């Protein structure tokens, strides 16, 4: 008899993990203890359910592992899914955690004098060049993007550009660096995403996990 290999669920490291862990538990995924050990260098972990394993990767890598079939399911921020826009990824469940927004921000004095609807050409520092270009192109605005992976708020202060596009939650980091939100691009939350090829070859099991996570996320909405 052919032994079925466990499905692989990619989980993002960092801030979102603390929000996602209770959802996983409610959906019936209990990782081995080492998964929660922040000093552990391991990246793949078993669970109490032999049908599913976990890998812990950087948030921006979840979509890549999923799109190329190294993972069958993933918990991804909708910002990551939008940025890479892989045709092989299907994201059926909004988990309703990890909520924030993707916004254009700039110095307070700039925001006080500018109307975003009058923009025609922008230079923007961002981790999200694809989303940024698509968003402004739809408005007929040319966006020149400077790709940064962090310390975005320094870019206007040091003259690299006048505006940034980044995730905003409380806005405290913007305020601390003399910046304000000028325009919201999109609301962001964590999603359960699926590799389409895996879905076609193993629909029963993957649908089971989709249904479990949907039930959990619907419970969050009802609270």
Foldseek 3Di string as FASTA:
>chain_A
DDDDQAAEEEEEDDDCCVVCVVLCVQLPWAWDPCVPVPPDPDFKTATPDRNYIYGYYHQLCQVVCFQVVVGFKYKHKVLSCVLVVRPQKDFDFFLPPPKWFKFKKFAPVDLVPDDVLPAAEFEEEECRVRLVQVQVVVSNHHYHYDYDDDPRLCCCVVVVGGMYIDTDHPCPVQVVSRMDTNGTSGIMGITMMGGNVSCVVPVVVVVSSVVSSRVSSVVVVVD
